[in-house]
Amino acid sequence: MKQSFLPNPNRNSKLSLPSPTPDETSPAREPLKHLLIGSPKAVRGEIHRLHILGYAEVGAWSPLQPMANTREVMSILIKYIVLR
């Protein structure tokens, strides 16, 4: 059964990556990066507050990452905004 997932060595096959979506390539859109740094409780709380306000889904934020030599963590969100 596993062999059905392996490429056929007799075929000249190439991996094809999906094309970027128009949202990612449109010149009128630009990435905006949000960075939250603070205690784990404060960062989680702000992520949930922004979700309640309808700004970003909780799952859109990166996992909490520890900051070097501190008790703080950080999380990042990248949103694509329309420039006018």
PDB file of N, CA and C in Angstrom:
ATOM      1  N   MET A   1       0.822  -1.196   0.000  1.00  0.00           N
ATOM      2  CA  MET A   1       0.000   0.000   0.000  1.00  0.00           C
ATOM      3  C   MET A   1       0.863   1.255   0.000  1.00  0.00           C
ATOM      4  N   LYS A   2       1.975   1.246   0.732  1.00  0.00           N
ATOM      5  CA  LYS A   2       2.827   2.425   0.800  1.00  0.00           C
ATOM      6  C   LYS A   2       3.409   2.773  -0.562  1.00  0.00           C
ATOM      7  N   GLN A   3       3.604   1.797  -1.424  1.00  0.00           N
ATOM      8  CA  GLN A   3       4.210   2.050  -2.726  1.00  0.00           C
ATOM      9  C   GLN A   3       3.363   2.967  -3.597  1.00  0.00           C
ATOM     10  N   SER A   4       2.073   3.018  -3.363  1.00  0.00           N
ATOM     11  CA  SER A   4       1.221   3.877  -4.187  1.00  0.00           C
ATOM     12  C   SER A   4       1.503   5.358  -3.947  1.00  0.00           C
ATOM     13  N   PHE A   5       2.165   5.694  -2.852  1.00  0.00           N
ATOM     14  CA  PHE A   5       2.485   7.078  -2.555  1.00  0.00           C
ATOM     15  C   PHE A   5       3.871   7.469  -3.050  1.00  0.00           C
ATOM     16  N   LEU A   6       4.649   6.498  -3.453  1.00  0.00           N
ATOM     17  CA  LEU A   6       6.001   6.797  -3.930  1.00  0.00           C
ATOM     18  C   LEU A   6       5.953   7.194  -5.391  1.00  0.00           C
ATOM     19  N   PRO A   7       6.825   8.124  -5.829  1.00  0.00           N
ATOM     20  CA  PRO A   7       6.839   8.504  -7.237  1.00  0.00           C
ATOM     21  C   PRO A   7       7.318   7.343  -8.099  1.00  0.00           C
ATOM     22  N   ASN A   8       6.835   7.299  -9.298  1.00  0.00           N
ATOM     23  CA  ASN A   8       7.238   6.283 -10.252  1.00  0.00           C
ATOM     24  C   ASN A   8       8.626   6.644 -10.775  1.00  0.00           C
ATOM     25  N   PRO A   9       9.653   5.809 -10.545  1.00  0.00           N
ATOM     26  CA  PRO A   9      11.008   6.157 -10.983  1.00  0.00           C
ATOM     27  C   PRO A   9      11.150   6.193 -12.501  1.00  0.00           C
ATOM     28  N   ASN A  10      10.209   5.584 -13.221  1.00  0.00           N
ATOM     29  CA  ASN A  10      10.278   5.578 -14.678  1.00  0.00           C
ATOM     30  C   ASN A  10       9.685   6.837 -15.291  1.00  0.00           C
ATOM     31  N   ARG A  11       9.007   7.643 -14.509  1.00  0.00           N
ATOM     32  CA  ARG A  11       8.399   8.877 -15.023  1.00  0.00           C
ATOM     33  C   ARG A  11       9.251  10.060 -14.638  1.00  0.00           C
ATOM     34  N   ASN A  12       9.294  11.046 -15.488  1.00  0.00           N
ATOM     35  CA  ASN A  12      10.007  12.278 -15.201  1.00  0.00           C
ATOM     36  C   ASN A  12       9.015  13.224 -14.542  1.00  0.00           C
ATOM     37  N   SER A  13       8.884  13.099 -13.220  1.00  0.00           N
ATOM     38  CA  SER A  13       7.890  13.917 -12.530  1.00  0.00           C
ATOM     39  C   SER A  13       8.584  14.970 -11.687  1.00  0.00           C
ATOM     40  N   LYS A  14       7.963  16.127 -11.615  1.00  0.00           N
ATOM     41  CA  LYS A  14       8.468  17.222 -10.804  1.00  0.00           C
ATOM     42  C   LYS A  14       7.413  17.591  -9.795  1.00  0.00           C
ATOM     43  N   LEU A  15       7.866  18.017  -8.632  1.00  0.00           N
ATOM     44  CA  LEU A  15       6.929  18.523  -7.646  1.00  0.00           C
ATOM     45  C   LEU A  15       6.429  19.881  -8.096  1.00  0.00           C
ATOM     46  N   SER A  16       5.153  20.098  -7.966  1.00  0.00           N
ATOM     47  CA  SER A  16       4.625  21.416  -8.311  1.00  0.00           C
ATOM     48  C   SER A  16       4.045  22.042  -7.057  1.00  0.00           C
ATOM     49  N   LEU A  17       4.443  23.250  -6.802  1.00  0.00           N
ATOM     50  CA  LEU A  17       3.942  23.989  -5.651  1.00  0.00           C
ATOM     51  C   LEU A  17       2.709  24.779  -6.065  1.00  0.00           C
ATOM     52  N   PRO A  18       1.770  24.951  -5.137  1.00  0.00           N
ATOM     53  CA  PRO A  18       0.588  25.745  -5.492  1.00  0.00           C
ATOM     54  C   PRO A  18       0.974  27.186  -5.801  1.00  0.00           C
ATOM     55  N   SER A  19       0.264  27.795  -6.721  1.00  0.00           N
ATOM     56  CA  SER A  19       0.523  29.196  -7.058  1.00  0.00           C
ATOM     57  C   SER A  19       0.132  30.076  -5.888  1.00  0.00           C
ATOM     58  N   PRO A  20       0.841  31.183  -5.706  1.00  0.00           N
ATOM     59  CA  PRO A  20       0.431  32.104  -4.644  1.00  0.00           C
ATOM     60  C   PRO A  20      -0.970  32.625  -4.921  1.00  0.00           C
ATOM     61  N   THR A  21      -1.704  32.853  -3.861  1.00  0.00           N
ATOM     62  CA  THR A  21      -3.045  33.394  -4.029  1.00  0.00           C
ATOM     63  C   THR A  21      -2.953  34.865  -4.429  1.00  0.00           C
ATOM     64  N   PRO A  22      -3.954  35.411  -5.073  1.00  0.00           N
ATOM     65  CA  PRO A  22      -3.915  36.832  -5.448  1.00  0.00           C
ATOM     66  C   PRO A  22      -3.697  37.738  -4.250  1.00  0.00           C
ATOM     67  N   ASP A  23      -4.189  37.330  -3.076  1.00  0.00           N
ATOM     68  CA  ASP A  23      -4.015  38.156  -1.882  1.00  0.00           C
ATOM     69  C   ASP A  23      -2.553  38.344  -1.527  1.00  0.00           C
ATOM     70  N   GLU A  24      -1.728  37.338  -1.795  1.00  0.00           N
ATOM     71  CA  GLU A  24      -0.326  37.402  -1.430  1.00  0.00           C
ATOM     72  C   GLU A  24       0.528  38.113  -2.475  1.00  0.00           C
ATOM     73  N   THR A  25       0.048  38.228  -3.697  1.00  0.00           N
ATOM     74  CA  THR A  25       0.860  38.810  -4.756  1.00  0.00           C
ATOM     75  C   THR A  25       0.362  40.171  -5.223  1.00  0.00           C
ATOM     76  N   SER A  26      -0.809  40.563  -4.789  1.00  0.00           N
ATOM     77  CA  SER A  26      -1.389  41.824  -5.233  1.00  0.00           C
ATOM     78  C   SER A  26      -0.549  42.998  -4.737  1.00  0.00           C
ATOM     79  N   PRO A  27      -0.191  43.925  -5.632  1.00  0.00           N
ATOM     80  CA  PRO A  27       0.626  45.062  -5.200  1.00  0.00           C
ATOM     81  C   PRO A  27      -0.118  46.000  -4.256  1.00  0.00           C
ATOM     82  N   ALA A  28      -1.435  45.898  -4.204  1.00  0.00           N
ATOM     83  CA  ALA A  28      -2.209  46.791  -3.336  1.00  0.00           C
ATOM     84  C   ALA A  28      -2.279  46.264  -1.905  1.00  0.00           C
ATOM     85  N   ARG A  29      -1.721  45.085  -1.665  1.00  0.00           N
ATOM     86  CA  ARG A  29      -1.755  44.499  -0.321  1.00  0.00           C
ATOM     87  C   ARG A  29      -0.341  44.431   0.226  1.00  0.00           C
ATOM     88  N   GLU A  30      -0.238  44.647   1.509  1.00  0.00           N
ATOM     89  CA  GLU A  30       1.075  44.659   2.146  1.00  0.00           C
ATOM     90  C   GLU A  30       0.985  43.939   3.488  1.00  0.00           C
ATOM     91  N   PRO A  31       2.020  43.148   3.827  1.00  0.00           N
ATOM     92  CA  PRO A  31       1.973  42.472   5.127  1.00  0.00           C
ATOM     93  C   PRO A  31       2.198  43.464   6.259  1.00  0.00           C
ATOM     94  N   LEU A  32       1.423  43.303   7.303  1.00  0.00           N
ATOM     95  CA  LEU A  32       1.575  44.098   8.513  1.00  0.00           C
ATOM     96  C   LEU A  32       1.812  43.113   9.645  1.00  0.00           C
ATOM     97  N   LYS A  33       2.928  43.277  10.347  1.00  0.00           N
ATOM     98  CA  LYS A  33       3.303  42.327  11.396  1.00  0.00           C
ATOM     99  C   LYS A  33       3.010  42.904  12.770  1.00  0.00           C
ATOM    100  N   HIS A  34       2.320  42.116  13.574  1.00  0.00           N
ATOM    101  CA  HIS A  34       1.990  42.487  14.947  1.00  0.00           C
ATOM    102  C   HIS A  34       2.825  41.604  15.862  1.00  0.00           C
ATOM    103  N   LEU A  35       3.496  42.199  16.816  1.00  0.00           N
ATOM    104  CA  LEU A  35       4.324  41.445  17.744  1.00  0.00           C
ATOM    105  C   LEU A  35       3.884  41.766  19.162  1.00  0.00           C
ATOM    106  N   LEU A  36       3.512  40.737  19.898  1.00  0.00           N
ATOM    107  CA  LEU A  36       3.143  40.906  21.296  1.00  0.00           C
ATOM    108  C   LEU A  36       4.258  40.319  22.155  1.00  0.00           C
ATOM    109  N   ILE A  37       4.722  41.080  23.136  1.00  0.00           N
ATOM    110  CA  ILE A  37       5.758  40.627  24.059  1.00  0.00           C
ATOM    111  C   ILE A  37       5.281  40.942  25.468  1.00  0.00           C
ATOM    112  N   GLY A  38       5.335  39.955  26.341  1.00  0.00           N
ATOM    113  CA  GLY A  38       4.936  40.158  27.727  1.00  0.00           C
ATOM    114  C   GLY A  38       4.891  38.829  28.446  1.00  0.00           C
ATOM    115  N   SER A  39       4.259  38.830  29.594  1.00  0.00           N
ATOM    116  CA  SER A  39       4.107  37.577  30.333  1.00  0.00           C
ATOM    117  C   SER A  39       3.188  36.656  29.527  1.00  0.00           C
ATOM    118  N   PRO A  40       3.312  35.347  29.709  1.00  0.00           N
ATOM    119  CA  PRO A  40       2.415  34.446  28.974  1.00  0.00           C
ATOM    120  C   PRO A  40       0.943  34.782  29.201  1.00  0.00           C
ATOM    121  N   LYS A  41       0.579  35.139  30.427  1.00  0.00           N
ATOM    122  CA  LYS A  41      -0.817  35.473  30.733  1.00  0.00           C
ATOM    123  C   LYS A  41      -1.259  36.723  29.977  1.00  0.00           C
ATOM    124  N   ALA A  42      -0.397  37.741  29.936  1.00  0.00           N
ATOM    125  CA  ALA A  42      -0.743  38.991  29.250  1.00  0.00           C
ATOM    126  C   ALA A  42      -0.860  38.790  27.751  1.00  0.00           C
ATOM    127  N   VAL A  43       0.066  38.037  27.166  1.00  0.00           N
ATOM    128  CA  VAL A  43       0.047  37.816  25.709  1.00  0.00           C
ATOM    129  C   VAL A  43      -1.185  37.006  25.327  1.00  0.00           C
ATOM    130  N   ARG A  44      -1.459  35.930  26.050  1.00  0.00           N
ATOM    131  CA  ARG A  44      -2.666  35.132  25.750  1.00  0.00           C
ATOM    132  C   ARG A  44      -3.928  35.976  25.910  1.00  0.00           C
ATOM    133  N   GLY A  45      -3.965  36.783  26.949  1.00  0.00           N
ATOM    134  CA  GLY A  45      -5.129  37.636  27.188  1.00  0.00           C
ATOM    135  C   GLY A  45      -5.358  38.618  26.055  1.00  0.00           C
ATOM    136  N   GLU A  46      -4.295  39.223  25.559  1.00  0.00           N
ATOM    137  CA  GLU A  46      -4.435  40.189  24.457  1.00  0.00           C
ATOM    138  C   GLU A  46      -4.841  39.498  23.160  1.00  0.00           C
ATOM    139  N   ILE A  47      -4.303  38.309  22.912  1.00  0.00           N
ATOM    140  CA  ILE A  47      -4.702  37.543  21.724  1.00  0.00           C
ATOM    141  C   ILE A  47      -6.202  37.265  21.778  1.00  0.00           C
ATOM    142  N   HIS A  48      -6.712  36.863  22.939  1.00  0.00           N
ATOM    143  CA  HIS A  48      -8.144  36.582  23.075  1.00  0.00           C
ATOM    144  C   HIS A  48      -8.976  37.862  22.985  1.00  0.00           C
ATOM    145  N   ARG A  49      -8.476  38.962  23.520  1.00  0.00           N
ATOM    146  CA  ARG A  49      -9.199  40.235  23.427  1.00  0.00           C
ATOM    147  C   ARG A  49      -9.317  40.677  21.968  1.00  0.00           C
ATOM    148  N   LEU A  50      -8.227  40.555  21.211  1.00  0.00           N
ATOM    149  CA  LEU A  50      -8.269  40.927  19.794  1.00  0.00           C
ATOM    150  C   LEU A  50      -9.210  40.014  19.008  1.00  0.00           C
ATOM    151  N   HIS A  51      -9.306  38.757  19.427  1.00  0.00           N
ATOM    152  CA  HIS A  51     -10.258  37.847  18.791  1.00  0.00           C
ATOM    153  C   HIS A  51     -11.690  38.283  19.084  1.00  0.00           C
ATOM    154  N   ILE A  52     -11.979  38.623  20.327  1.00  0.00           N
ATOM    155  CA  ILE A  52     -13.327  39.070  20.708  1.00  0.00           C
ATOM    156  C   ILE A  52     -13.709  40.337  19.939  1.00  0.00           C
ATOM    157  N   LEU A  53     -12.735  41.200  19.696  1.00  0.00           N
ATOM    158  CA  LEU A  53     -12.993  42.427  18.931  1.00  0.00           C
ATOM    159  C   LEU A  53     -13.149  42.158  17.431  1.00  0.00           C
ATOM    160  N   GLY A  54     -12.894  40.920  17.003  1.00  0.00           N
ATOM    161  CA  GLY A  54     -13.038  40.561  15.596  1.00  0.00           C
ATOM    162  C   GLY A  54     -11.825  40.909  14.746  1.00  0.00           C
ATOM    163  N   TYR A  55     -10.694  41.178  15.380  1.00  0.00           N
ATOM    164  CA  TYR A  55      -9.512  41.583  14.616  1.00  0.00           C
ATOM    165  C   TYR A  55      -8.746  40.401  14.041  1.00  0.00           C
ATOM    166  N   ALA A  56      -8.583  39.332  14.822  1.00  0.00           N
ATOM    167  CA  ALA A  56      -7.808  38.181  14.347  1.00  0.00           C
ATOM    168  C   ALA A  56      -8.234  36.929  15.098  1.00  0.00           C
ATOM    169  N   GLU A  57      -8.227  35.818  14.394  1.00  0.00           N
ATOM    170  CA  GLU A  57      -8.513  34.534  15.017  1.00  0.00           C
ATOM    171  C   GLU A  57      -7.374  34.162  15.959  1.00  0.00           C
ATOM    172  N   VAL A  58      -7.699  33.476  17.031  1.00  0.00           N
ATOM    173  CA  VAL A  58      -6.687  33.054  17.990  1.00  0.00           C
ATOM    174  C   VAL A  58      -5.631  32.184  17.298  1.00  0.00           C
ATOM    175  N   GLY A  59      -6.055  31.297  16.411  1.00  0.00           N
ATOM    176  CA  GLY A  59      -5.135  30.388  15.728  1.00  0.00           C
ATOM    177  C   GLY A  59      -4.241  31.060  14.698  1.00  0.00           C
ATOM    178  N   ALA A  60      -4.492  32.330  14.383  1.00  0.00           N
ATOM    179  CA  ALA A  60      -3.661  33.038  13.405  1.00  0.00           C
ATOM    180  C   ALA A  60      -2.336  33.498  14.014  1.00  0.00           C
ATOM    181  N   TRP A  61      -2.252  33.546  15.331  1.00  0.00           N
ATOM    182  CA  TRP A  61      -1.032  33.967  16.016  1.00  0.00           C
ATOM    183  C   TRP A  61      -0.058  32.803  16.097  1.00  0.00           C
ATOM    184  N   SER A  62       1.222  33.116  16.107  1.00  0.00           N
ATOM    185  CA  SER A  62       2.228  32.071  16.270  1.00  0.00           C
ATOM    186  C   SER A  62       2.161  31.534  17.691  1.00  0.00           C
ATOM    187  N   PRO A  63       2.676  30.309  17.904  1.00  0.00           N
ATOM    188  CA  PRO A  63       2.761  29.808  19.279  1.00  0.00           C
ATOM    189  C   PRO A  63       3.648  30.732  20.119  1.00  0.00           C
ATOM    190  N   LEU A  64       3.411  30.755  21.406  1.00  0.00           N
ATOM    191  CA  LEU A  64       4.222  31.582  22.291  1.00  0.00           C
ATOM    192  C   LEU A  64       5.671  31.094  22.256  1.00  0.00           C
ATOM    193  N   GLN A  65       6.575  32.047  22.075  1.00  0.00           N
ATOM    194  CA  GLN A  65       8.005  31.746  22.024  1.00  0.00           C
ATOM    195  C   GLN A  65       8.690  32.441  23.193  1.00  0.00           C
ATOM    196  N   PRO A  66       9.534  31.724  23.935  1.00  0.00           N
ATOM    197  CA  PRO A  66      10.211  32.368  25.063  1.00  0.00           C
ATOM    198  C   PRO A  66      11.220  33.406  24.581  1.00  0.00           C
ATOM    199  N   MET A  67      11.326  34.479  25.337  1.00  0.00           N
ATOM    200  CA  MET A  67      12.322  35.513  25.068  1.00  0.00           C
ATOM    201  C   MET A  67      13.600  35.132  25.817  1.00  0.00           C
ATOM    202  N   ALA A  68      14.738  35.476  25.250  1.00  0.00           N
ATOM    203  CA  ALA A  68      16.017  35.131  25.863  1.00  0.00           C
ATOM    204  C   ALA A  68      16.198  35.852  27.196  1.00  0.00           C
ATOM    205  N   ASN A  69      16.617  35.099  28.198  1.00  0.00           N
ATOM    206  CA  ASN A  69      16.987  35.632  29.514  1.00  0.00           C
ATOM    207  C   ASN A  69      15.887  36.415  30.218  1.00  0.00           C
ATOM    208  N   THR A  70      14.634  36.149  29.904  1.00  0.00           N
ATOM    209  CA  THR A  70      13.530  36.816  30.609  1.00  0.00           C
ATOM    210  C   THR A  70      12.439  35.797  30.861  1.00  0.00           C
ATOM    211  N   ARG A  71      11.428  36.218  31.569  1.00  0.00           N
ATOM    212  CA  ARG A  71      10.254  35.365  31.794  1.00  0.00           C
ATOM    213  C   ARG A  71       9.144  35.727  30.814  1.00  0.00           C
ATOM    214  N   GLU A  72       9.480  36.525  29.817  1.00  0.00           N
ATOM    215  CA  GLU A  72       8.487  36.949  28.837  1.00  0.00           C
ATOM    216  C   GLU A  72       8.452  36.000  27.648  1.00  0.00           C
ATOM    217  N   VAL A  73       7.350  36.098  26.907  1.00  0.00           N
ATOM    218  CA  VAL A  73       7.171  35.340  25.666  1.00  0.00           C
ATOM    219  C   VAL A  73       6.774  36.324  24.574  1.00  0.00           C
ATOM    220  N   MET A  74       6.814  35.851  23.333  1.00  0.00           N
ATOM    221  CA  MET A  74       6.341  36.678  22.220  1.00  0.00           C
ATOM    222  C   MET A  74       5.491  35.835  21.296  1.00  0.00           C
ATOM    223  N   SER A  75       4.619  36.503  20.567  1.00  0.00           N
ATOM    224  CA  SER A  75       3.788  35.878  19.546  1.00  0.00           C
ATOM    225  C   SER A  75       3.632  36.892  18.423  1.00  0.00           C
ATOM    226  N   ILE A  76       3.592  36.391  17.185  1.00  0.00           N
ATOM    227  CA  ILE A  76       3.495  37.285  16.033  1.00  0.00           C
ATOM    228  C   ILE A  76       2.276  36.924  15.189  1.00  0.00           C
ATOM    229  N   LEU A  77       1.702  37.946  14.599  1.00  0.00           N
ATOM    230  CA  LEU A  77       0.586  37.799  13.670  1.00  0.00           C
ATOM    231  C   LEU A  77       0.937  38.596  12.428  1.00  0.00           C
ATOM    232  N   ILE A  78       0.762  38.011  11.259  1.00  0.00           N
ATOM    233  CA  ILE A  78       0.968  38.739  10.009  1.00  0.00           C
ATOM    234  C   ILE A  78      -0.378  38.825   9.307  1.00  0.00           C
ATOM    235  N   LYS A  79      -0.832  40.052   9.097  1.00  0.00           N
ATOM    236  CA  LYS A  79      -2.083  40.296   8.366  1.00  0.00           C
ATOM    237  C   LYS A  79      -1.732  41.034   7.074  1.00  0.00           C
ATOM    238  N   TYR A  80      -2.477  40.755   6.036  1.00  0.00           N
ATOM    239  CA  TYR A  80      -2.305  41.476   4.777  1.00  0.00           C
ATOM    240  C   TYR A  80      -3.350  42.573   4.718  1.00  0.00           C
ATOM    241  N   ILE A  81      -2.890  43.798   4.581  1.00  0.00           N
ATOM    242  CA  ILE A  81      -3.798  44.935   4.564  1.00  0.00           C
ATOM    243  C   ILE A  81      -3.839  45.542   3.170  1.00  0.00           C
ATOM    244  N   VAL A  82      -4.939  46.191   2.857  1.00  0.00           N
ATOM    245  CA  VAL A  82      -5.099  46.863   1.572  1.00  0.00           C
ATOM    246  C   VAL A  82      -4.617  48.302   1.729  1.00  0.00           C
ATOM    247  N   LEU A  83      -3.705  48.697   0.866  1.00  0.00           N
ATOM    248  CA  LEU A  83      -3.214  50.078   0.881  1.00  0.00           C
ATOM    249  C   LEU A  83      -4.041  50.900  -0.090  1.00  0.00           C
ATOM    250  N   ARG A  84      -4.411  52.071   0.323  1.00  0.00           N
ATOM    251  CA  ARG A  84      -5.230  52.940  -0.534  1.00  0.00           C
ATOM    252  C   ARG A  84      -4.466  54.192  -0.885  1.00  0.00           C
TER     253      ARG A  84
END
